[in-house]
Amino acid sequence: MSSFDEWNKQKKKLNNDDVSVERFFHYRDVWWCKLGKNVGFEQDGKGGEYVRPVLVLRALGKDTLLVAPLTTSKDKHFFRISVGKVDGKDAKAIISQIRTVDARRLLVRIDVVSYDRMNNLKKAIKNLF
């Protein structure tokens, strides 16, 4: 079975999760998130649950949020902005992969990014435009 088929099974289950279970996410939070198996160069989740840490950039309501996937890759790139230590590892936000997700994708909050790091990140995002 392909990884797309496996992810689609999990995505169907995720879509049927109880929407009444609220996830209390806030600006600067870092969460494990089920990003899934994506197309081409889009950032995927990893492992059997297709998860990746994401940084909450903005709440768009109680059920949706704008996030930036995180990476611990040492590769330098214009679109990878340091957010400091996350869960004990040097992490970077991949600002080219910012996306809206449903709160049902969130699993567990793992950290909070400092205001200084978030201000640097906001400047980098503004420079994209």
C-alpha atoms as a PDB file:
ATOM      1  CA  MET A   1       0.000   0.000   0.000  1.00  0.00           C
ATOM      2  CA  SER A   2       1.364   3.423  -0.904  1.00  0.00           C
ATOM      3  CA  SER A   3       2.017   6.111   1.698  1.00  0.00           C
ATOM      4  CA  PHE A   4      -0.737   8.193   0.041  1.00  0.00           C
ATOM      5  CA  ASP A   5      -3.231   5.360   0.597  1.00  0.00           C
ATOM      6  CA  GLU A   6      -2.156   4.993   4.231  1.00  0.00           C
ATOM      7  CA  TRP A   7      -2.405   8.751   4.803  1.00  0.00           C
ATOM      8  CA  ASN A   8      -5.859   8.855   3.189  1.00  0.00           C
ATOM      9  CA  LYS A   9      -7.081   6.228   5.691  1.00  0.00           C
ATOM     10  CA  GLN A  10      -5.762   8.356   8.550  1.00  0.00           C
ATOM     11  CA  LYS A  11      -7.151  11.552   7.003  1.00  0.00           C
ATOM     12  CA  LYS A  12     -10.657  10.048   6.822  1.00  0.00           C
ATOM     13  CA  LYS A  13     -10.434   9.084  10.492  1.00  0.00           C
ATOM     14  CA  LEU A  14      -9.101  12.523  11.390  1.00  0.00           C
ATOM     15  CA  ASN A  15     -11.966  14.172   9.506  1.00  0.00           C
ATOM     16  CA  ASN A  16     -14.448  12.146  11.554  1.00  0.00           C
ATOM     17  CA  ASP A  17     -12.855  13.104  14.899  1.00  0.00           C
ATOM     18  CA  ASP A  18     -15.109  14.814  17.379  1.00  0.00           C
ATOM     19  CA  VAL A  19     -15.099  18.530  16.550  1.00  0.00           C
ATOM     20  CA  SER A  20     -16.467  19.340  20.013  1.00  0.00           C
ATOM     21  CA  VAL A  21     -13.075  18.472  21.541  1.00  0.00           C
ATOM     22  CA  GLU A  22     -11.406  21.864  21.635  1.00  0.00           C
ATOM     23  CA  ARG A  23      -7.694  22.301  21.178  1.00  0.00           C
ATOM     24  CA  PHE A  24      -6.563  25.459  22.932  1.00  0.00           C
ATOM     25  CA  PHE A  25      -3.873  26.794  20.630  1.00  0.00           C
ATOM     26  CA  HIS A  26      -2.298  30.229  20.803  1.00  0.00           C
ATOM     27  CA  TYR A  27       0.087  32.459  18.885  1.00  0.00           C
ATOM     28  CA  ARG A  28       3.713  31.233  19.380  1.00  0.00           C
ATOM     29  CA  ASP A  29       2.680  27.692  20.393  1.00  0.00           C
ATOM     30  CA  VAL A  30       4.478  24.733  18.845  1.00  0.00           C
ATOM     31  CA  TRP A  31       2.346  21.615  18.338  1.00  0.00           C
ATOM     32  CA  TRP A  32       2.829  18.155  16.904  1.00  0.00           C
ATOM     33  CA  CYS A  33       0.514  18.260  13.900  1.00  0.00           C
ATOM     34  CA  LYS A  34      -0.707  15.618  11.456  1.00  0.00           C
ATOM     35  CA  LEU A  35       0.397  17.315   8.234  1.00  0.00           C
ATOM     36  CA  GLY A  36       0.015  14.159   6.188  1.00  0.00           C
ATOM     37  CA  LYS A  37       1.554  12.956   2.958  1.00  0.00           C
ATOM     38  CA  ASN A  38       1.671  15.808   0.484  1.00  0.00           C
ATOM     39  CA  VAL A  39       2.498  16.350  -3.173  1.00  0.00           C
ATOM     40  CA  GLY A  40       5.947  17.051  -4.607  1.00  0.00           C
ATOM     41  CA  PHE A  41       8.004  19.455  -2.525  1.00  0.00           C
ATOM     42  CA  GLU A  42       5.241  20.291  -0.029  1.00  0.00           C
ATOM     43  CA  GLN A  43       6.360  19.593   3.529  1.00  0.00           C
ATOM     44  CA  ASP A  44       5.163  16.181   4.758  1.00  0.00           C
ATOM     45  CA  GLY A  45       4.573  14.833   8.196  1.00  0.00           C
ATOM     46  CA  LYS A  46       6.914  12.026   9.269  1.00  0.00           C
ATOM     47  CA  GLY A  47       6.488   8.537  10.666  1.00  0.00           C
ATOM     48  CA  GLY A  48       3.393   6.383  10.795  1.00  0.00           C
ATOM     49  CA  GLU A  49       1.161   9.254  11.920  1.00  0.00           C
ATOM     50  CA  TYR A  50       2.598  11.741   9.392  1.00  0.00           C
ATOM     51  CA  VAL A  51       3.353  14.324  12.079  1.00  0.00           C
ATOM     52  CA  ARG A  52       5.632  17.344  12.161  1.00  0.00           C
ATOM     53  CA  PRO A  53       6.002  20.190  14.633  1.00  0.00           C
ATOM     54  CA  VAL A  54       4.304  23.398  13.529  1.00  0.00           C
ATOM     55  CA  LEU A  55       4.415  26.930  14.876  1.00  0.00           C
ATOM     56  CA  VAL A  56       1.088  28.721  15.351  1.00  0.00           C
ATOM     57  CA  LEU A  57       1.245  32.048  13.509  1.00  0.00           C
ATOM     58  CA  ARG A  58      -2.390  33.046  13.949  1.00  0.00           C
ATOM     59  CA  ALA A  59      -5.695  31.664  15.104  1.00  0.00           C
ATOM     60  CA  LEU A  60      -8.295  32.065  12.358  1.00  0.00           C
ATOM     61  CA  GLY A  61     -11.111  30.963  14.633  1.00  0.00           C
ATOM     62  CA  LYS A  62     -11.539  28.250  17.232  1.00  0.00           C
ATOM     63  CA  ASP A  63     -11.207  25.491  14.619  1.00  0.00           C
ATOM     64  CA  THR A  64      -8.609  26.764  12.139  1.00  0.00           C
ATOM     65  CA  LEU A  65      -5.144  28.226  12.382  1.00  0.00           C
ATOM     66  CA  LEU A  66      -2.273  29.461  10.267  1.00  0.00           C
ATOM     67  CA  VAL A  67       0.935  27.490  10.869  1.00  0.00           C
ATOM     68  CA  ALA A  68       4.514  27.220   9.688  1.00  0.00           C
ATOM     69  CA  PRO A  69       6.039  23.724   9.628  1.00  0.00           C
ATOM     70  CA  LEU A  70       9.299  23.387  11.535  1.00  0.00           C
ATOM     71  CA  THR A  71      12.506  21.593  10.618  1.00  0.00           C
ATOM     72  CA  THR A  72      15.692  20.710  12.467  1.00  0.00           C
ATOM     73  CA  SER A  73      17.674  20.550   9.219  1.00  0.00           C
ATOM     74  CA  LYS A  74      21.064  22.271   9.407  1.00  0.00           C
ATOM     75  CA  ASP A  75      20.779  23.380   5.759  1.00  0.00           C
ATOM     76  CA  LYS A  76      20.811  27.150   5.355  1.00  0.00           C
ATOM     77  CA  HIS A  77      18.031  28.568   3.201  1.00  0.00           C
ATOM     78  CA  PHE A  78      16.376  31.957   2.804  1.00  0.00           C
ATOM     79  CA  PHE A  79      12.965  30.455   3.672  1.00  0.00           C
ATOM     80  CA  ARG A  80      14.139  28.726   6.888  1.00  0.00           C
ATOM     81  CA  ILE A  81      14.067  31.126   9.827  1.00  0.00           C
ATOM     82  CA  SER A  82      15.474  30.153  13.226  1.00  0.00           C
ATOM     83  CA  VAL A  83      12.957  30.034  16.070  1.00  0.00           C
ATOM     84  CA  GLY A  84      15.480  28.844  18.663  1.00  0.00           C
ATOM     85  CA  LYS A  85      15.269  25.634  20.664  1.00  0.00           C
ATOM     86  CA  VAL A  86      12.066  23.642  20.363  1.00  0.00           C
ATOM     87  CA  ASP A  87      11.781  20.527  22.467  1.00  0.00           C
ATOM     88  CA  GLY A  88      15.551  20.774  23.036  1.00  0.00           C
ATOM     89  CA  LYS A  89      16.517  20.996  19.338  1.00  0.00           C
ATOM     90  CA  ASP A  90      17.471  23.941  17.120  1.00  0.00           C
ATOM     91  CA  ALA A  91      14.423  24.546  14.952  1.00  0.00           C
ATOM     92  CA  LYS A  92      13.620  26.657  11.913  1.00  0.00           C
ATOM     93  CA  ALA A  93      10.251  27.732  10.547  1.00  0.00           C
ATOM     94  CA  ILE A  94       9.813  26.972   6.844  1.00  0.00           C
ATOM     95  CA  ILE A  95       8.053  30.163   5.786  1.00  0.00           C
ATOM     96  CA  SER A  96       7.600  29.022   2.184  1.00  0.00           C
ATOM     97  CA  GLN A  97       5.287  26.281   3.526  1.00  0.00           C
ATOM     98  CA  ILE A  98       2.901  28.395   5.648  1.00  0.00           C
ATOM     99  CA  ARG A  99      -0.603  26.945   5.498  1.00  0.00           C
ATOM    100  CA  THR A 100      -4.020  26.848   7.114  1.00  0.00           C
ATOM    101  CA  VAL A 101      -4.916  23.702   9.048  1.00  0.00           C
ATOM    102  CA  ASP A 102      -7.903  22.446  10.971  1.00  0.00           C
ATOM    103  CA  ALA A 103      -7.404  22.178  14.730  1.00  0.00           C
ATOM    104  CA  ARG A 104      -8.273  18.461  14.554  1.00  0.00           C
ATOM    105  CA  ARG A 105      -4.793  17.940  13.072  1.00  0.00           C
ATOM    106  CA  LEU A 106      -3.156  19.098  16.343  1.00  0.00           C
ATOM    107  CA  LEU A 107      -1.956  16.364  18.700  1.00  0.00           C
ATOM    108  CA  VAL A 108      -0.047  17.877  21.615  1.00  0.00           C
ATOM    109  CA  ARG A 109       1.533  21.230  22.444  1.00  0.00           C
ATOM    110  CA  ILE A 110       5.286  20.831  22.876  1.00  0.00           C
ATOM    111  CA  ASP A 111       6.742  24.316  23.310  1.00  0.00           C
ATOM    112  CA  VAL A 112       6.338  28.102  22.995  1.00  0.00           C
ATOM    113  CA  VAL A 113       8.588  30.364  20.908  1.00  0.00           C
ATOM    114  CA  SER A 114       9.876  33.603  22.468  1.00  0.00           C
ATOM    115  CA  TYR A 115       8.459  36.975  21.457  1.00  0.00           C
ATOM    116  CA  ASP A 116      11.887  38.054  20.132  1.00  0.00           C
ATOM    117  CA  ARG A 117      12.098  35.018  17.826  1.00  0.00           C
ATOM    118  CA  MET A 118       8.518  35.589  16.673  1.00  0.00           C
ATOM    119  CA  ASN A 119       9.274  39.230  15.853  1.00  0.00           C
ATOM    120  CA  ASN A 120      12.243  38.127  13.713  1.00  0.00           C
ATOM    121  CA  LEU A 121      10.017  35.574  12.003  1.00  0.00           C
ATOM    122  CA  LYS A 122       7.300  38.172  11.292  1.00  0.00           C
ATOM    123  CA  LYS A 123       9.903  40.458   9.675  1.00  0.00           C
ATOM    124  CA  ALA A 124      11.109  37.614   7.455  1.00  0.00           C
ATOM    125  CA  ILE A 125       7.531  36.802   6.414  1.00  0.00           C
ATOM    126  CA  LYS A 126       6.839  40.468   5.586  1.00  0.00           C
ATOM    127  CA  ASN A 127       9.995  40.507   3.432  1.00  0.00           C
ATOM    128  CA  LEU A 128       8.450  37.777   1.255  1.00  0.00           C
ATOM    129  CA  PHE A 129       5.993  40.337  -0.053  1.00  0.00           C
END
